[in-house]
Amino acid sequence: MVVIGTGANNKINFFAGNGNGTFATVVTTDIPGTTDHRYAETVDLDRDGRLDLVFSSFGSAPGTVHVFRGKGKGQFDPVTALSVSNNPWGLALGDLNGDSKEDLVVAGHLSGKLDILLSTAQ
């Protein structure tokens, strides 16, 4: 999957992989109330076997990280917004507490804070 932010507006573009080294047609999604999408990661957050999309919106205050839960075949459920410190810059995923679930760490650019969101997936 390739994800592209579209600058200072509320859109992201993503291209789902076809499984053969090519990509499907671009899908453009509006995320109301957000701008300047900086970082994106794909990971199976909810452990359902389908990739989910996580991205930060730098221009948001309070800070926001958005999660699209994957439905398969390049389709996603409506976006879920998670509150974090102002101006989230980078994000990383990993098992921080040893429970075999992907947790999320978000770095706040102007706040100088690090937000840790532990997974509650089953």
N, C-alpha and C. Protein backbone atom coordinates (compact mmCIF):
# COMPACT_ATOMS: atom_id res chain seq x y z
N MET A 1 0.85 -1.16 0.00
CA MET A 1 0.00 0.00 0.00
C MET A 1 0.90 1.23 0.00
N VAL A 2 0.51 2.22 -0.76
CA VAL A 2 1.19 3.51 -0.79
C VAL A 2 0.19 4.55 -0.33
N VAL A 3 0.61 5.42 0.61
CA VAL A 3 -0.25 6.47 1.14
C VAL A 3 0.42 7.81 0.87
N ILE A 4 -0.37 8.78 0.38
CA ILE A 4 0.17 10.10 0.04
C ILE A 4 -0.73 11.16 0.65
N GLY A 5 -0.16 12.04 1.48
CA GLY A 5 -0.88 13.20 1.97
C GLY A 5 -0.92 14.24 0.86
N THR A 6 -1.93 15.09 0.86
CA THR A 6 -2.08 16.05 -0.23
C THR A 6 -1.79 17.47 0.24
N GLY A 7 -0.91 17.63 1.22
CA GLY A 7 -0.50 18.96 1.65
C GLY A 7 -1.46 19.58 2.63
N ALA A 8 -1.68 20.86 2.49
CA ALA A 8 -2.44 21.63 3.47
C ALA A 8 -3.94 21.59 3.22
N ASN A 9 -4.47 20.41 2.96
CA ASN A 9 -5.92 20.26 2.88
C ASN A 9 -6.31 19.00 3.63
N ASN A 10 -7.53 18.58 3.52
CA ASN A 10 -8.01 17.46 4.34
C ASN A 10 -8.15 16.16 3.56
N LYS A 11 -7.24 15.90 2.64
CA LYS A 11 -7.35 14.69 1.82
C LYS A 11 -6.10 13.83 1.95
N ILE A 12 -6.31 12.52 1.84
CA ILE A 12 -5.19 11.60 1.64
C ILE A 12 -5.53 10.71 0.46
N ASN A 13 -4.50 10.25 -0.21
CA ASN A 13 -4.64 9.33 -1.33
C ASN A 13 -3.96 8.03 -0.96
N PHE A 14 -4.56 6.92 -1.31
CA PHE A 14 -3.86 5.67 -1.11
C PHE A 14 -4.10 4.73 -2.28
N PHE A 15 -3.07 3.94 -2.52
CA PHE A 15 -3.06 2.94 -3.58
C PHE A 15 -2.91 1.58 -2.92
N ALA A 16 -3.89 0.73 -3.01
CA ALA A 16 -3.81 -0.62 -2.46
C ALA A 16 -3.01 -1.49 -3.40
N GLY A 17 -2.23 -2.40 -2.84
CA GLY A 17 -1.47 -3.34 -3.65
C GLY A 17 -2.37 -4.42 -4.24
N ASN A 18 -2.07 -4.83 -5.46
CA ASN A 18 -2.84 -5.89 -6.13
C ASN A 18 -2.30 -7.28 -5.82
N GLY A 19 -1.17 -7.35 -5.11
CA GLY A 19 -0.58 -8.64 -4.79
C GLY A 19 0.36 -9.19 -5.84
N ASN A 20 0.56 -8.43 -6.92
CA ASN A 20 1.44 -8.88 -8.00
C ASN A 20 2.50 -7.83 -8.36
N GLY A 21 2.76 -6.91 -7.45
CA GLY A 21 3.74 -5.85 -7.71
C GLY A 21 3.16 -4.61 -8.34
N THR A 22 1.85 -4.59 -8.59
CA THR A 22 1.19 -3.41 -9.14
C THR A 22 0.21 -2.86 -8.11
N PHE A 23 -0.32 -1.69 -8.40
CA PHE A 23 -1.22 -1.03 -7.48
C PHE A 23 -2.56 -0.75 -8.14
N ALA A 24 -3.61 -0.74 -7.32
CA ALA A 24 -4.95 -0.41 -7.79
C ALA A 24 -5.04 1.09 -8.05
N THR A 25 -6.15 1.52 -8.61
CA THR A 25 -6.40 2.93 -8.87
C THR A 25 -6.43 3.71 -7.56
N VAL A 26 -5.98 4.95 -7.61
CA VAL A 26 -5.93 5.80 -6.41
C VAL A 26 -7.33 5.98 -5.81
N VAL A 27 -7.37 5.96 -4.48
CA VAL A 27 -8.59 6.27 -3.74
C VAL A 27 -8.29 7.52 -2.93
N THR A 28 -9.10 8.57 -3.09
CA THR A 28 -8.92 9.81 -2.35
C THR A 28 -10.00 9.89 -1.29
N THR A 29 -9.57 10.19 -0.07
CA THR A 29 -10.49 10.24 1.07
C THR A 29 -10.38 11.59 1.76
N ASP A 30 -11.51 12.19 2.07
CA ASP A 30 -11.56 13.43 2.84
C ASP A 30 -11.58 13.10 4.32
N ILE A 31 -10.79 13.81 5.09
CA ILE A 31 -10.81 13.69 6.55
C ILE A 31 -11.16 15.06 7.09
N PRO A 32 -12.43 15.34 7.35
CA PRO A 32 -12.85 16.70 7.77
C PRO A 32 -12.10 17.17 9.01
N GLY A 33 -11.75 18.45 9.02
CA GLY A 33 -11.13 19.07 10.18
C GLY A 33 -9.65 18.76 10.35
N THR A 34 -9.00 18.23 9.33
CA THR A 34 -7.57 17.92 9.44
C THR A 34 -6.81 18.57 8.31
N THR A 35 -5.53 18.77 8.55
CA THR A 35 -4.63 19.28 7.51
C THR A 35 -3.25 18.69 7.70
N ASP A 36 -2.44 18.81 6.68
CA ASP A 36 -1.01 18.52 6.74
C ASP A 36 -0.71 17.14 7.32
N HIS A 37 -1.11 16.12 6.61
CA HIS A 37 -0.90 14.74 7.05
C HIS A 37 0.57 14.38 6.85
N ARG A 38 1.23 14.02 7.95
CA ARG A 38 2.69 13.85 7.92
C ARG A 38 3.15 12.41 7.76
N TYR A 39 2.78 11.56 8.66
CA TYR A 39 3.33 10.21 8.66
C TYR A 39 2.22 9.18 8.63
N ALA A 40 2.46 8.10 7.94
CA ALA A 40 1.47 7.03 7.85
C ALA A 40 2.18 5.69 8.04
N GLU A 41 1.48 4.77 8.64
CA GLU A 41 1.96 3.40 8.83
C GLU A 41 0.82 2.45 8.53
N THR A 42 1.14 1.28 8.03
CA THR A 42 0.15 0.23 7.88
C THR A 42 0.51 -0.89 8.83
N VAL A 43 -0.49 -1.40 9.53
CA VAL A 43 -0.29 -2.44 10.53
C VAL A 43 -1.65 -3.08 10.82
N ASP A 44 -1.66 -4.30 11.24
CA ASP A 44 -2.91 -4.95 11.63
C ASP A 44 -3.17 -4.66 13.11
N LEU A 45 -3.72 -3.51 13.41
CA LEU A 45 -3.95 -3.08 14.80
C LEU A 45 -4.96 -3.94 15.53
N ASP A 46 -6.02 -4.32 14.85
CA ASP A 46 -7.10 -5.04 15.52
C ASP A 46 -6.99 -6.56 15.37
N ARG A 47 -5.88 -7.03 14.79
CA ARG A 47 -5.55 -8.46 14.71
C ARG A 47 -6.60 -9.28 13.96
N ASP A 48 -7.18 -8.69 12.90
CA ASP A 48 -8.19 -9.40 12.11
C ASP A 48 -7.63 -9.94 10.79
N GLY A 49 -6.30 -9.81 10.60
CA GLY A 49 -5.67 -10.31 9.39
C GLY A 49 -5.67 -9.32 8.23
N ARG A 50 -6.20 -8.11 8.44
CA ARG A 50 -6.25 -7.09 7.38
C ARG A 50 -5.46 -5.86 7.86
N LEU A 51 -4.74 -5.25 6.92
CA LEU A 51 -3.96 -4.07 7.27
C LEU A 51 -4.86 -2.88 7.57
N ASP A 52 -4.48 -2.13 8.61
CA ASP A 52 -5.13 -0.88 8.97
C ASP A 52 -4.17 0.25 8.64
N LEU A 53 -4.68 1.44 8.49
CA LEU A 53 -3.89 2.61 8.15
C LEU A 53 -3.93 3.60 9.30
N VAL A 54 -2.75 4.02 9.77
CA VAL A 54 -2.62 4.99 10.86
C VAL A 54 -1.83 6.18 10.32
N PHE A 55 -2.31 7.40 10.54
CA PHE A 55 -1.53 8.57 10.11
C PHE A 55 -1.74 9.75 11.05
N SER A 56 -0.75 10.64 11.07
CA SER A 56 -0.82 11.83 11.93
C SER A 56 -1.17 13.05 11.10
N SER A 57 -1.84 14.00 11.76
CA SER A 57 -2.20 15.28 11.13
C SER A 57 -1.46 16.38 11.87
N PHE A 58 -0.38 16.87 11.27
CA PHE A 58 0.51 17.82 11.92
C PHE A 58 -0.21 19.11 12.30
N GLY A 59 -1.10 19.59 11.45
CA GLY A 59 -1.74 20.88 11.67
C GLY A 59 -2.90 20.83 12.65
N SER A 60 -3.02 19.79 13.45
CA SER A 60 -4.18 19.67 14.33
C SER A 60 -3.84 20.04 15.76
N ALA A 61 -4.72 20.80 16.38
CA ALA A 61 -4.58 21.14 17.79
C ALA A 61 -5.97 21.12 18.40
N PRO A 62 -6.32 20.27 19.35
CA PRO A 62 -5.37 19.30 19.89
C PRO A 62 -4.93 18.31 18.83
N GLY A 63 -3.84 17.64 19.11
CA GLY A 63 -3.27 16.71 18.15
C GLY A 63 -4.19 15.54 17.85
N THR A 64 -4.08 15.03 16.63
CA THR A 64 -4.93 13.93 16.21
C THR A 64 -4.13 12.91 15.40
N VAL A 65 -4.37 11.65 15.73
CA VAL A 65 -3.89 10.54 14.92
C VAL A 65 -5.14 9.84 14.42
N HIS A 66 -5.15 9.48 13.15
CA HIS A 66 -6.33 8.88 12.53
C HIS A 66 -6.07 7.41 12.22
N VAL A 67 -7.09 6.59 12.42
CA VAL A 67 -7.00 5.16 12.14
C VAL A 67 -8.13 4.77 11.20
N PHE A 68 -7.75 4.16 10.10
CA PHE A 68 -8.71 3.51 9.19
C PHE A 68 -8.56 2.02 9.39
N ARG A 69 -9.59 1.34 9.81
CA ARG A 69 -9.54 -0.12 9.96
C ARG A 69 -9.78 -0.76 8.59
N GLY A 70 -8.87 -1.64 8.20
CA GLY A 70 -8.96 -2.28 6.90
C GLY A 70 -10.11 -3.27 6.80
N LYS A 71 -10.79 -3.23 5.66
CA LYS A 71 -11.87 -4.18 5.38
C LYS A 71 -11.42 -5.20 4.34
N GLY A 72 -10.21 -5.03 3.80
CA GLY A 72 -9.69 -5.91 2.76
C GLY A 72 -9.93 -5.33 1.39
N LYS A 73 -9.13 -5.77 0.42
CA LYS A 73 -9.24 -5.36 -0.98
C LYS A 73 -9.19 -3.84 -1.15
N GLY A 74 -8.34 -3.16 -0.32
CA GLY A 74 -8.16 -1.72 -0.45
C GLY A 74 -9.29 -0.88 0.10
N GLN A 75 -10.19 -1.47 0.86
CA GLN A 75 -11.30 -0.72 1.44
C GLN A 75 -11.12 -0.59 2.95
N PHE A 76 -11.65 0.52 3.50
CA PHE A 76 -11.49 0.82 4.92
C PHE A 76 -12.81 1.26 5.53
N ASP A 77 -12.95 1.01 6.83
CA ASP A 77 -14.08 1.54 7.58
C ASP A 77 -13.87 3.05 7.74
N PRO A 78 -14.91 3.79 8.15
CA PRO A 78 -14.74 5.23 8.40
C PRO A 78 -13.63 5.48 9.42
N VAL A 79 -13.04 6.64 9.32
CA VAL A 79 -11.89 6.99 10.14
C VAL A 79 -12.27 7.15 11.62
N THR A 80 -11.33 6.76 12.49
CA THR A 80 -11.44 6.98 13.92
C THR A 80 -10.34 7.95 14.32
N ALA A 81 -10.66 8.97 15.09
CA ALA A 81 -9.68 9.97 15.52
C ALA A 81 -9.25 9.68 16.96
N LEU A 82 -7.94 9.71 17.21
CA LEU A 82 -7.38 9.53 18.53
C LEU A 82 -6.69 10.82 18.95
N SER A 83 -6.97 11.32 20.14
CA SER A 83 -6.37 12.57 20.63
C SER A 83 -4.98 12.32 21.18
N VAL A 84 -4.04 13.18 20.75
CA VAL A 84 -2.66 13.15 21.24
C VAL A 84 -2.21 14.58 21.44
N SER A 85 -0.96 14.78 21.83
CA SER A 85 -0.42 16.13 22.04
C SER A 85 -0.44 16.92 20.74
N ASN A 86 -0.41 18.26 20.87
CA ASN A 86 -0.48 19.13 19.70
C ASN A 86 0.61 18.83 18.67
N ASN A 87 0.26 19.04 17.42
CA ASN A 87 1.16 18.92 16.28
C ASN A 87 1.93 17.60 16.25
N PRO A 88 1.19 16.48 16.14
CA PRO A 88 1.88 15.19 16.06
C PRO A 88 2.76 15.14 14.82
N TRP A 89 3.98 14.74 14.99
CA TRP A 89 4.94 14.74 13.90
C TRP A 89 5.16 13.32 13.41
N GLY A 90 5.93 12.55 14.11
CA GLY A 90 6.20 11.18 13.71
C GLY A 90 5.43 10.19 14.55
N LEU A 91 5.34 8.97 14.04
CA LEU A 91 4.71 7.92 14.81
C LEU A 91 5.45 6.62 14.54
N ALA A 92 5.35 5.73 15.53
CA ALA A 92 5.99 4.42 15.41
C ALA A 92 5.08 3.39 16.07
N LEU A 93 5.19 2.17 15.60
CA LEU A 93 4.39 1.07 16.11
C LEU A 93 5.31 -0.03 16.61
N GLY A 94 4.90 -0.68 17.69
CA GLY A 94 5.67 -1.80 18.22
C GLY A 94 5.02 -2.29 19.51
N ASP A 95 5.43 -3.45 19.95
CA ASP A 95 4.91 -4.03 21.19
C ASP A 95 5.71 -3.46 22.36
N LEU A 96 5.16 -2.47 23.04
CA LEU A 96 5.89 -1.78 24.10
C LEU A 96 5.78 -2.46 25.46
N ASN A 97 4.75 -3.24 25.68
CA ASN A 97 4.53 -3.81 27.01
C ASN A 97 4.54 -5.34 27.04
N GLY A 98 5.00 -5.97 25.97
CA GLY A 98 5.19 -7.41 25.96
C GLY A 98 3.93 -8.24 25.86
N ASP A 99 2.82 -7.66 25.36
CA ASP A 99 1.57 -8.42 25.25
C ASP A 99 1.30 -8.94 23.84
N SER A 100 2.29 -8.82 22.95
CA SER A 100 2.20 -9.27 21.55
C SER A 100 1.20 -8.48 20.73
N LYS A 101 0.88 -7.25 21.14
CA LYS A 101 -0.02 -6.37 20.39
C LYS A 101 0.75 -5.12 19.98
N GLU A 102 0.39 -4.58 18.81
CA GLU A 102 1.05 -3.38 18.31
C GLU A 102 0.55 -2.15 19.06
N ASP A 103 1.45 -1.44 19.72
CA ASP A 103 1.14 -0.19 20.41
C ASP A 103 1.61 0.96 19.55
N LEU A 104 1.16 2.16 19.86
CA LEU A 104 1.45 3.33 19.04
C LEU A 104 2.16 4.39 19.88
N VAL A 105 3.26 4.94 19.34
CA VAL A 105 3.99 6.04 19.96
C VAL A 105 3.92 7.21 18.99
N VAL A 106 3.56 8.39 19.51
CA VAL A 106 3.42 9.59 18.67
C VAL A 106 4.28 10.70 19.26
N ALA A 107 5.13 11.29 18.43
CA ALA A 107 5.98 12.40 18.86
C ALA A 107 5.30 13.72 18.52
N GLY A 108 5.16 14.59 19.53
CA GLY A 108 4.60 15.92 19.32
C GLY A 108 5.71 16.90 18.96
N HIS A 109 5.63 17.49 17.79
CA HIS A 109 6.70 18.37 17.29
C HIS A 109 6.87 19.61 18.17
N LEU A 110 5.86 20.41 18.31
CA LEU A 110 5.97 21.66 19.06
C LEU A 110 5.77 21.47 20.56
N SER A 111 5.08 20.41 20.95
CA SER A 111 4.82 20.19 22.37
C SER A 111 6.02 19.55 23.07
N GLY A 112 6.88 18.86 22.31
CA GLY A 112 8.00 18.16 22.91
C GLY A 112 7.56 16.94 23.71
N LYS A 113 6.34 16.48 23.48
CA LYS A 113 5.81 15.35 24.24
C LYS A 113 5.83 14.08 23.40
N LEU A 114 5.81 12.96 24.10
CA LEU A 114 5.72 11.66 23.48
C LEU A 114 4.47 10.99 24.03
N ASP A 115 3.51 10.67 23.16
CA ASP A 115 2.28 10.01 23.57
C ASP A 115 2.40 8.52 23.30
N ILE A 116 2.01 7.71 24.27
CA ILE A 116 2.02 6.25 24.13
C ILE A 116 0.58 5.76 24.24
N LEU A 117 0.12 5.08 23.19
CA LEU A 117 -1.23 4.51 23.16
C LEU A 117 -1.10 3.00 23.11
N LEU A 118 -1.45 2.35 24.20
CA LEU A 118 -1.35 0.90 24.28
C LEU A 118 -2.56 0.25 23.63
N SER A 119 -2.34 -0.82 22.90
CA SER A 119 -3.38 -1.52 22.19
C SER A 119 -4.34 -2.21 23.15
N THR A 120 -5.62 -2.18 22.79
CA THR A 120 -6.64 -2.93 23.53
C THR A 120 -7.26 -4.01 22.65
N ALA A 121 -6.59 -4.34 21.54
CA ALA A 121 -7.10 -5.37 20.62
C ALA A 121 -7.19 -6.70 21.33
N GLN A 122 -8.15 -7.52 20.91
CA GLN A 122 -8.32 -8.85 21.52
C GLN A 122 -7.43 -9.85 20.90
